[in-house]
Amino acid sequence: MHIWQMQEAKSRLSEVVKEAERDGPQEITVHGRSVAVVLSRADYDRLAGTGESLASFIRRSPLAGADDLDFSRDPSLTRETHL
């Protein structure tokens, strides 16, 4: 990851964005402290996920509607533990 000082990043923003798209995340620092990261849109979308709900994901699963799935709980008693 390339590290940019804030002043340099401000003056060369188009280059920072192009490098984020080409080479991956670009870190921006202020007084040596990391304060931000510039990501390409593709990296952001991958990290942010689809926004799909868990229920929707399960509904489109290849196992949705399968009658042979067993979700029964184990009826055995709990084990003793020594603390």
N, C-alpha and C. Protein backbone atom coordinates (compact mmCIF):
# COMPACT_ATOMS: atom_id res chain seq x y z
N MET A 1 0.85 -1.17 0.00
CA MET A 1 0.00 0.00 0.00
C MET A 1 0.89 1.23 0.00
N HIS A 2 0.64 2.12 -0.92
CA HIS A 2 1.40 3.36 -0.98
C HIS A 2 0.90 4.32 0.10
N ILE A 3 1.81 5.02 0.74
CA ILE A 3 1.46 5.97 1.80
C ILE A 3 1.65 7.39 1.28
N TRP A 4 0.63 8.21 1.43
CA TRP A 4 0.65 9.60 0.99
C TRP A 4 0.48 10.52 2.20
N GLN A 5 1.25 11.58 2.25
CA GLN A 5 0.99 12.63 3.24
C GLN A 5 -0.22 13.42 2.75
N MET A 6 -1.01 13.94 3.66
CA MET A 6 -2.24 14.64 3.30
C MET A 6 -2.02 15.73 2.26
N GLN A 7 -1.02 16.57 2.46
CA GLN A 7 -0.76 17.67 1.52
C GLN A 7 -0.49 17.14 0.11
N GLU A 8 0.31 16.09 0.02
CA GLU A 8 0.63 15.50 -1.27
C GLU A 8 -0.62 14.87 -1.90
N ALA A 9 -1.41 14.18 -1.07
CA ALA A 9 -2.63 13.54 -1.57
C ALA A 9 -3.62 14.58 -2.10
N LYS A 10 -3.72 15.72 -1.41
CA LYS A 10 -4.62 16.78 -1.86
C LYS A 10 -4.17 17.33 -3.21
N SER A 11 -2.90 17.56 -3.35
CA SER A 11 -2.42 18.17 -4.59
C SER A 11 -2.37 17.19 -5.75
N ARG A 12 -2.37 15.88 -5.45
CA ARG A 12 -2.28 14.86 -6.51
C ARG A 12 -3.43 13.87 -6.43
N LEU A 13 -4.62 14.38 -6.08
CA LEU A 13 -5.77 13.51 -5.86
C LEU A 13 -6.06 12.58 -7.03
N SER A 14 -6.01 13.09 -8.24
CA SER A 14 -6.32 12.23 -9.39
C SER A 14 -5.34 11.06 -9.48
N GLU A 15 -4.09 11.29 -9.15
CA GLU A 15 -3.09 10.22 -9.16
C GLU A 15 -3.37 9.21 -8.04
N VAL A 16 -3.76 9.71 -6.86
CA VAL A 16 -4.09 8.82 -5.73
C VAL A 16 -5.24 7.90 -6.14
N VAL A 17 -6.27 8.46 -6.75
CA VAL A 17 -7.43 7.67 -7.17
C VAL A 17 -7.05 6.65 -8.24
N LYS A 18 -6.27 7.07 -9.22
CA LYS A 18 -5.85 6.14 -10.28
C LYS A 18 -5.01 4.99 -9.70
N GLU A 19 -4.12 5.31 -8.75
CA GLU A 19 -3.32 4.25 -8.12
C GLU A 19 -4.18 3.31 -7.30
N ALA A 20 -5.21 3.85 -6.64
CA ALA A 20 -6.12 3.00 -5.87
C ALA A 20 -6.81 2.01 -6.79
N GLU A 21 -7.19 2.46 -7.96
CA GLU A 21 -7.84 1.58 -8.92
C GLU A 21 -6.86 0.56 -9.51
N ARG A 22 -5.64 0.99 -9.78
CA ARG A 22 -4.65 0.13 -10.43
C ARG A 22 -3.91 -0.78 -9.43
N ASP A 23 -3.47 -0.20 -8.29
CA ASP A 23 -2.58 -0.94 -7.39
C ASP A 23 -3.19 -1.32 -6.04
N GLY A 24 -4.40 -0.88 -5.76
CA GLY A 24 -5.04 -1.21 -4.49
C GLY A 24 -5.07 -0.02 -3.56
N PRO A 25 -5.48 -0.25 -2.31
CA PRO A 25 -5.70 0.83 -1.34
C PRO A 25 -4.49 1.76 -1.18
N GLN A 26 -4.80 3.05 -0.97
CA GLN A 26 -3.78 4.08 -0.79
C GLN A 26 -4.00 4.71 0.59
N GLU A 27 -2.99 4.69 1.41
CA GLU A 27 -3.09 5.22 2.78
C GLU A 27 -2.73 6.71 2.80
N ILE A 28 -3.48 7.48 3.60
CA ILE A 28 -3.21 8.90 3.76
C ILE A 28 -2.89 9.17 5.22
N THR A 29 -1.81 9.94 5.45
CA THR A 29 -1.38 10.23 6.81
C THR A 29 -1.37 11.73 7.07
N VAL A 30 -1.53 12.07 8.35
CA VAL A 30 -1.39 13.45 8.83
C VAL A 30 -0.42 13.40 9.99
N HIS A 31 0.68 14.11 9.88
CA HIS A 31 1.74 14.11 10.90
C HIS A 31 2.19 12.69 11.25
N GLY A 32 2.29 11.84 10.21
CA GLY A 32 2.77 10.47 10.39
C GLY A 32 1.73 9.49 10.91
N ARG A 33 0.52 9.96 11.18
CA ARG A 33 -0.54 9.10 11.72
C ARG A 33 -1.53 8.78 10.61
N SER A 34 -1.81 7.50 10.42
CA SER A 34 -2.74 7.07 9.38
C SER A 34 -4.15 7.57 9.71
N VAL A 35 -4.78 8.28 8.74
CA VAL A 35 -6.11 8.83 8.99
C VAL A 35 -7.16 8.38 7.99
N ALA A 36 -6.73 7.88 6.83
CA ALA A 36 -7.70 7.49 5.81
C ALA A 36 -7.08 6.53 4.83
N VAL A 37 -7.95 5.82 4.12
CA VAL A 37 -7.53 4.92 3.05
C VAL A 37 -8.43 5.17 1.86
N VAL A 38 -7.86 5.34 0.69
CA VAL A 38 -8.62 5.51 -0.55
C VAL A 38 -8.69 4.15 -1.23
N LEU A 39 -9.92 3.71 -1.51
CA LEU A 39 -10.16 2.42 -2.16
C LEU A 39 -10.76 2.63 -3.54
N SER A 40 -10.51 1.67 -4.41
CA SER A 40 -11.23 1.68 -5.70
C SER A 40 -12.68 1.29 -5.42
N ARG A 41 -13.56 1.62 -6.35
CA ARG A 41 -14.97 1.25 -6.19
C ARG A 41 -15.12 -0.26 -6.12
N ALA A 42 -14.35 -1.00 -6.91
CA ALA A 42 -14.43 -2.46 -6.91
C ALA A 42 -14.04 -3.03 -5.55
N ASP A 43 -12.97 -2.51 -4.94
CA ASP A 43 -12.57 -2.97 -3.60
C ASP A 43 -13.64 -2.64 -2.57
N TYR A 44 -14.20 -1.44 -2.66
CA TYR A 44 -15.25 -1.04 -1.72
C TYR A 44 -16.46 -1.96 -1.83
N ASP A 45 -16.92 -2.20 -3.05
CA ASP A 45 -18.09 -3.06 -3.25
C ASP A 45 -17.84 -4.47 -2.72
N ARG A 46 -16.63 -4.98 -2.93
CA ARG A 46 -16.30 -6.32 -2.43
C ARG A 46 -16.34 -6.36 -0.91
N LEU A 47 -15.82 -5.32 -0.26
CA LEU A 47 -15.79 -5.28 1.20
C LEU A 47 -17.15 -4.98 1.81
N ALA A 48 -17.94 -4.16 1.14
CA ALA A 48 -19.23 -3.74 1.67
C ALA A 48 -20.29 -4.84 1.55
N GLY A 49 -20.07 -5.80 0.70
CA GLY A 49 -21.04 -6.87 0.53
C GLY A 49 -22.15 -6.46 -0.43
N THR A 50 -23.16 -7.29 -0.52
CA THR A 50 -24.22 -7.08 -1.49
C THR A 50 -25.38 -6.27 -0.92
N GLY A 51 -25.47 -6.19 0.39
CA GLY A 51 -26.61 -5.52 1.00
C GLY A 51 -27.83 -6.43 1.06
N GLU A 52 -27.65 -7.67 0.66
CA GLU A 52 -28.74 -8.63 0.66
C GLU A 52 -28.98 -9.12 2.10
N SER A 53 -30.23 -9.31 2.46
CA SER A 53 -30.55 -9.80 3.81
C SER A 53 -30.22 -11.30 3.90
N LEU A 54 -30.05 -11.77 5.12
CA LEU A 54 -29.78 -13.19 5.35
C LEU A 54 -30.95 -14.03 4.86
N ALA A 55 -32.17 -13.57 5.09
CA ALA A 55 -33.34 -14.32 4.65
C ALA A 55 -33.35 -14.48 3.13
N SER A 56 -33.02 -13.43 2.40
CA SER A 56 -32.97 -13.51 0.93
C SER A 56 -31.89 -14.47 0.47
N PHE A 57 -30.74 -14.42 1.14
CA PHE A 57 -29.64 -15.32 0.81
C PHE A 57 -30.06 -16.78 1.00
N ILE A 58 -30.73 -17.06 2.10
CA ILE A 58 -31.17 -18.44 2.38
C ILE A 58 -32.22 -18.87 1.38
N ARG A 59 -33.15 -17.97 1.01
CA ARG A 59 -34.20 -18.32 0.05
C ARG A 59 -33.64 -18.71 -1.31
N ARG A 60 -32.53 -18.10 -1.73
CA ARG A 60 -31.97 -18.45 -3.04
C ARG A 60 -30.91 -19.55 -2.96
N SER A 61 -30.74 -20.13 -1.79
CA SER A 61 -29.80 -21.23 -1.60
C SER A 61 -30.27 -22.46 -2.39
N PRO A 62 -29.31 -23.24 -2.90
CA PRO A 62 -29.70 -24.48 -3.59
C PRO A 62 -30.43 -25.46 -2.66
N LEU A 63 -30.27 -25.29 -1.35
CA LEU A 63 -30.92 -26.18 -0.40
C LEU A 63 -32.30 -25.68 0.04
N ALA A 64 -32.70 -24.51 -0.42
CA ALA A 64 -34.01 -23.97 -0.05
C ALA A 64 -35.10 -24.93 -0.51
N GLY A 65 -36.00 -25.26 0.39
CA GLY A 65 -37.10 -26.16 0.06
C GLY A 65 -36.75 -27.62 0.15
N ALA A 66 -35.51 -27.97 0.45
CA ALA A 66 -35.12 -29.38 0.57
C ALA A 66 -35.79 -29.98 1.81
N ASP A 67 -36.41 -31.14 1.65
CA ASP A 67 -37.12 -31.77 2.75
C ASP A 67 -36.26 -32.73 3.56
N ASP A 68 -35.07 -33.05 3.07
CA ASP A 68 -34.26 -34.06 3.74
C ASP A 68 -33.20 -33.47 4.68
N LEU A 69 -33.30 -32.19 5.02
CA LEU A 69 -32.35 -31.58 5.95
C LEU A 69 -32.78 -31.85 7.37
N ASP A 70 -31.84 -32.21 8.22
CA ASP A 70 -32.16 -32.53 9.62
C ASP A 70 -31.58 -31.45 10.52
N PHE A 71 -32.46 -30.68 11.16
CA PHE A 71 -32.03 -29.62 12.07
C PHE A 71 -32.38 -29.95 13.52
N SER A 72 -32.60 -31.23 13.82
CA SER A 72 -32.97 -31.58 15.19
C SER A 72 -31.77 -31.42 16.13
N ARG A 73 -32.08 -31.10 17.38
CA ARG A 73 -31.04 -30.89 18.38
C ARG A 73 -30.63 -32.21 19.00
N ASP A 74 -29.42 -32.27 19.48
CA ASP A 74 -28.92 -33.44 20.19
C ASP A 74 -29.63 -33.51 21.55
N PRO A 75 -30.35 -34.60 21.84
CA PRO A 75 -31.12 -34.68 23.09
C PRO A 75 -30.31 -35.10 24.32
N SER A 76 -29.01 -35.39 24.14
CA SER A 76 -28.21 -35.86 25.27
C SER A 76 -28.03 -34.74 26.31
N LEU A 77 -27.79 -35.18 27.54
CA LEU A 77 -27.59 -34.22 28.63
C LEU A 77 -26.27 -33.51 28.47
N THR A 78 -26.13 -32.41 29.16
CA THR A 78 -24.88 -31.65 29.09
C THR A 78 -23.79 -32.40 29.82
N ARG A 79 -22.54 -32.09 29.49
CA ARG A 79 -21.41 -32.74 30.16
C ARG A 79 -21.07 -31.99 31.43
N GLU A 80 -20.50 -32.72 32.34
CA GLU A 80 -20.01 -32.07 33.55
C GLU A 80 -18.67 -31.45 33.28
N THR A 81 -18.42 -30.30 33.87
CA THR A 81 -17.14 -29.64 33.72
C THR A 81 -16.55 -29.40 35.10
N HIS A 82 -15.25 -29.43 35.18
CA HIS A 82 -14.56 -29.18 36.44
C HIS A 82 -13.91 -27.82 36.35
N LEU A 83 -14.30 -26.94 37.23
CA LEU A 83 -13.74 -25.60 37.22
C LEU A 83 -12.69 -25.43 38.29
